[in-house]
Protein backbone atom coordinates (compact mmCIF):
# COMPACT_ATOMS: atom_id res chain seq x y z
CA UNK A 1 18.41 -22.12 18.23
CA UNK A 2 21.82 -22.06 16.26
CA UNK A 3 22.24 -18.45 15.58
CA UNK A 4 23.65 -17.22 12.31
CA UNK A 5 25.55 -14.22 11.45
CA UNK A 6 23.18 -12.83 8.62
CA UNK A 7 19.83 -13.47 7.01
CA UNK A 8 21.46 -14.85 3.95
CA UNK A 9 22.86 -17.87 5.86
CA UNK A 10 19.17 -18.92 6.25
CA UNK A 11 18.46 -19.31 2.76
CA UNK A 12 14.93 -18.22 3.34
CA UNK A 13 13.25 -15.88 0.84
CA UNK A 14 10.59 -15.08 3.50
CA UNK A 15 13.33 -14.35 5.96
CA UNK A 16 15.29 -12.06 3.47
CA UNK A 17 12.04 -10.33 2.58
CA UNK A 18 11.17 -9.28 6.18
CA UNK A 19 14.65 -8.26 6.91
CA UNK A 20 14.91 -5.98 3.89
CA UNK A 21 11.60 -4.47 4.65
CA UNK A 22 12.68 -3.70 8.37
CA UNK A 23 15.88 -2.23 7.04
CA UNK A 24 14.08 -0.05 4.62
CA UNK A 25 11.57 1.24 7.47
CA UNK A 26 14.61 1.64 9.76
CA UNK A 27 16.69 3.96 7.69
CA UNK A 28 19.39 5.68 9.73
CA UNK A 29 17.77 4.63 12.96
CA UNK A 30 18.89 1.67 15.13
CA UNK A 31 15.42 0.21 14.69
CA UNK A 32 12.25 1.13 13.03
CA UNK A 33 9.26 1.91 15.24
CA UNK A 34 6.18 -0.43 15.64
CA UNK A 35 4.20 2.14 14.03
CA UNK A 36 6.33 2.06 10.92
CA UNK A 37 5.17 -1.54 10.34
CA UNK A 38 2.21 -1.86 8.02
CA UNK A 39 0.90 -5.51 7.78
CA UNK A 40 -0.60 -4.66 4.14
CA UNK A 41 3.08 -4.12 2.93
CA UNK A 42 3.77 -7.89 4.05
CA UNK A 43 0.82 -9.53 2.57
CA UNK A 44 2.89 -12.15 0.61
CA UNK A 45 4.68 -13.31 3.78
CA UNK A 46 1.94 -12.53 6.42
CA UNK A 47 1.15 -16.18 6.78
CA UNK A 48 4.76 -16.65 8.35
CA UNK A 49 4.87 -13.60 10.36
CA UNK A 50 4.83 -13.59 14.16
CA UNK A 51 4.48 -10.43 16.22
CA UNK A 52 5.08 -10.22 19.86
CA UNK A 53 4.69 -7.61 22.60
CA UNK A 54 7.42 -7.43 25.15
CA UNK A 55 6.77 -6.03 28.45
CA UNK A 56 8.99 -3.93 30.72
CA UNK A 57 9.55 -7.01 32.86
CA UNK A 58 10.57 -9.22 29.70
CA UNK A 59 7.15 -11.08 29.38
CA UNK A 60 6.44 -12.05 25.99
CA UNK A 61 2.83 -12.02 24.44
CA UNK A 62 2.04 -13.28 21.00
CA UNK A 63 -0.19 -10.57 19.28
CA UNK A 64 -0.31 -11.84 16.02
CA UNK A 65 0.55 -15.54 14.61
CA UNK A 66 0.23 -16.05 10.85
CA UNK A 67 -1.88 -18.89 9.50
CA UNK A 68 1.21 -20.78 8.47
CA UNK A 69 2.65 -20.54 11.81
CA UNK A 70 -0.66 -21.56 13.40
CA UNK A 71 -0.49 -24.51 11.07
CA UNK A 72 2.87 -25.40 12.04
CA UNK A 73 1.86 -25.22 15.73
CA UNK A 74 -1.42 -27.12 15.37
CA UNK A 75 -3.27 -24.20 17.33
CA UNK A 76 -3.61 -20.52 17.19
CA UNK A 77 -1.49 -19.09 20.20
CA UNK A 78 -2.29 -15.41 19.36
CA UNK A 79 -2.85 -13.64 22.79
CA UNK A 80 -0.96 -16.23 24.73
CA UNK A 81 2.28 -15.44 26.52
CA UNK A 82 5.33 -17.42 25.97
CA UNK A 83 5.41 -18.65 29.58
CA UNK A 84 1.93 -20.42 28.94
CA UNK A 85 3.29 -22.21 26.02
CA UNK A 86 5.34 -25.45 25.70
CA UNK A 87 8.02 -25.26 23.11
CA UNK A 88 9.90 -28.24 24.42
CA UNK A 89 9.62 -29.99 20.92
CA UNK A 90 12.11 -27.19 19.83
CA UNK A 91 14.99 -29.21 21.51
CA UNK A 92 17.57 -26.74 20.89
CA UNK A 93 15.94 -23.41 21.65
CA UNK A 94 15.31 -21.36 24.97
CA UNK A 95 12.71 -19.02 23.33
CA UNK A 96 12.91 -16.86 26.62
CA UNK A 97 16.51 -16.20 26.16
CA UNK A 98 16.16 -15.49 22.34
CA UNK A 99 13.66 -12.86 23.22
CA UNK A 100 15.97 -11.53 26.09
CA UNK A 101 18.62 -11.01 23.30
CA UNK A 102 16.29 -9.27 21.08
CA UNK A 103 15.14 -6.87 23.89
CA UNK A 104 18.23 -6.39 25.63
CA UNK A 105 20.62 -6.04 22.71
CA UNK A 106 18.29 -4.15 20.46
CA UNK A 107 19.42 -6.37 17.46
CA UNK A 108 18.12 -8.73 14.96
CA UNK A 109 18.41 -12.54 15.59
CA UNK A 110 18.81 -14.90 12.80
CA UNK A 111 18.83 -18.66 13.51
CA UNK A 112 17.99 -22.22 12.77
CA UNK A 113 15.70 -24.22 15.34
CA UNK A 114 15.38 -27.81 15.08
CA UNK A 115 12.02 -29.18 16.10
CA UNK A 116 10.71 -32.75 16.64
CA UNK A 117 7.91 -34.10 14.50
CA UNK A 118 5.15 -36.37 16.02
CA UNK A 119 7.03 -39.49 14.76
CA UNK A 120 10.43 -38.03 16.56
CA UNK A 121 11.98 -37.07 13.10
CA UNK A 122 13.23 -33.62 13.11
CA UNK A 123 13.00 -30.70 10.86
CA UNK A 124 14.49 -27.27 10.69
CA UNK A 125 12.66 -23.82 11.05
CA UNK A 126 14.52 -20.68 9.78
CA UNK A 127 13.74 -17.84 12.35
CA UNK A 128 14.34 -14.05 11.99
CA UNK A 129 13.40 -11.96 14.88
CA UNK A 130 13.51 -8.09 14.65
CA UNK A 131 13.14 -5.63 17.39
CA UNK A 132 10.63 -2.84 17.32
CA UNK A 133 10.35 0.01 19.96
CA UNK A 134 7.40 2.44 20.44
CA UNK A 135 9.52 5.19 21.53
CA UNK A 136 12.64 4.64 19.35
CA UNK A 137 14.55 3.40 22.19
CA UNK A 138 13.10 0.62 24.25
CA UNK A 139 12.16 -2.60 22.50
CA UNK A 140 8.35 -3.21 22.97
CA UNK A 141 7.51 -5.37 20.07
CA UNK A 142 9.35 -7.95 18.02
CA UNK A 143 8.32 -9.05 14.41
CA UNK A 144 9.56 -12.28 13.19
CA UNK A 145 9.22 -14.88 10.51
CA UNK A 146 9.20 -18.62 10.85
CA UNK A 147 10.01 -20.49 7.59
CA UNK A 148 9.66 -24.35 7.92
CA UNK A 149 11.77 -26.50 5.64
CA UNK A 150 9.07 -29.09 5.10
CA UNK A 151 7.43 -30.85 2.09
CA UNK A 152 3.60 -30.18 1.93
CA UNK A 153 2.58 -33.47 3.49
CA UNK A 154 5.13 -33.00 6.34
CA UNK A 155 3.15 -30.17 7.87
CA UNK A 156 0.52 -32.56 9.29
CA UNK A 157 3.42 -34.63 10.96
CA UNK A 158 4.53 -31.40 12.59
CA UNK A 159 1.21 -30.14 14.01
CA UNK A 160 0.76 -32.35 17.15
CA UNK A 161 4.25 -32.11 18.37
CA UNK A 162 5.00 -28.49 17.69
CA UNK A 163 3.12 -26.77 20.65
CA UNK A 164 0.76 -27.34 23.39
CA UNK A 165 -0.40 -25.16 26.34
CA UNK A 166 1.56 -25.75 29.51
CA UNK A 167 -0.48 -27.73 32.05
CA UNK A 168 -1.31 -25.47 34.83
CA UNK A 169 -2.15 -27.30 38.10
């Protein structure tokens, strides 16, 4: 992931909308709590939302994957852990490290991910990841948005390459 300094640099209306919502819910606190987030408030962008649970040991589980993200992936990875998934098509991104930064630094991460299409072309995904604690202190969740910069027909090209379950032998 090529991290950028602000959500505006992503040129993603969806990313900007989620970040503005997070900021409103945050108020004067460092982060809003998970309980502050109401999916009903995010109806317009819900298809692009990804919600994760981050355990104390840093293990990440996808608890909600929006329908647009499912389409990009070619499968629904809700309730899978990050370490069970193969994101190697995102050739410049270490997702474990991205979530470590959100967890450890308790801060938003904005970035561009390059991913391979099935015919080896690449496309860019604007990513916004925002920390959420249960107790106001320790990050336990992350809400994010994925905004693919694709034409309508390109989503079909992306699906088979984007994600696969790791082969567990």
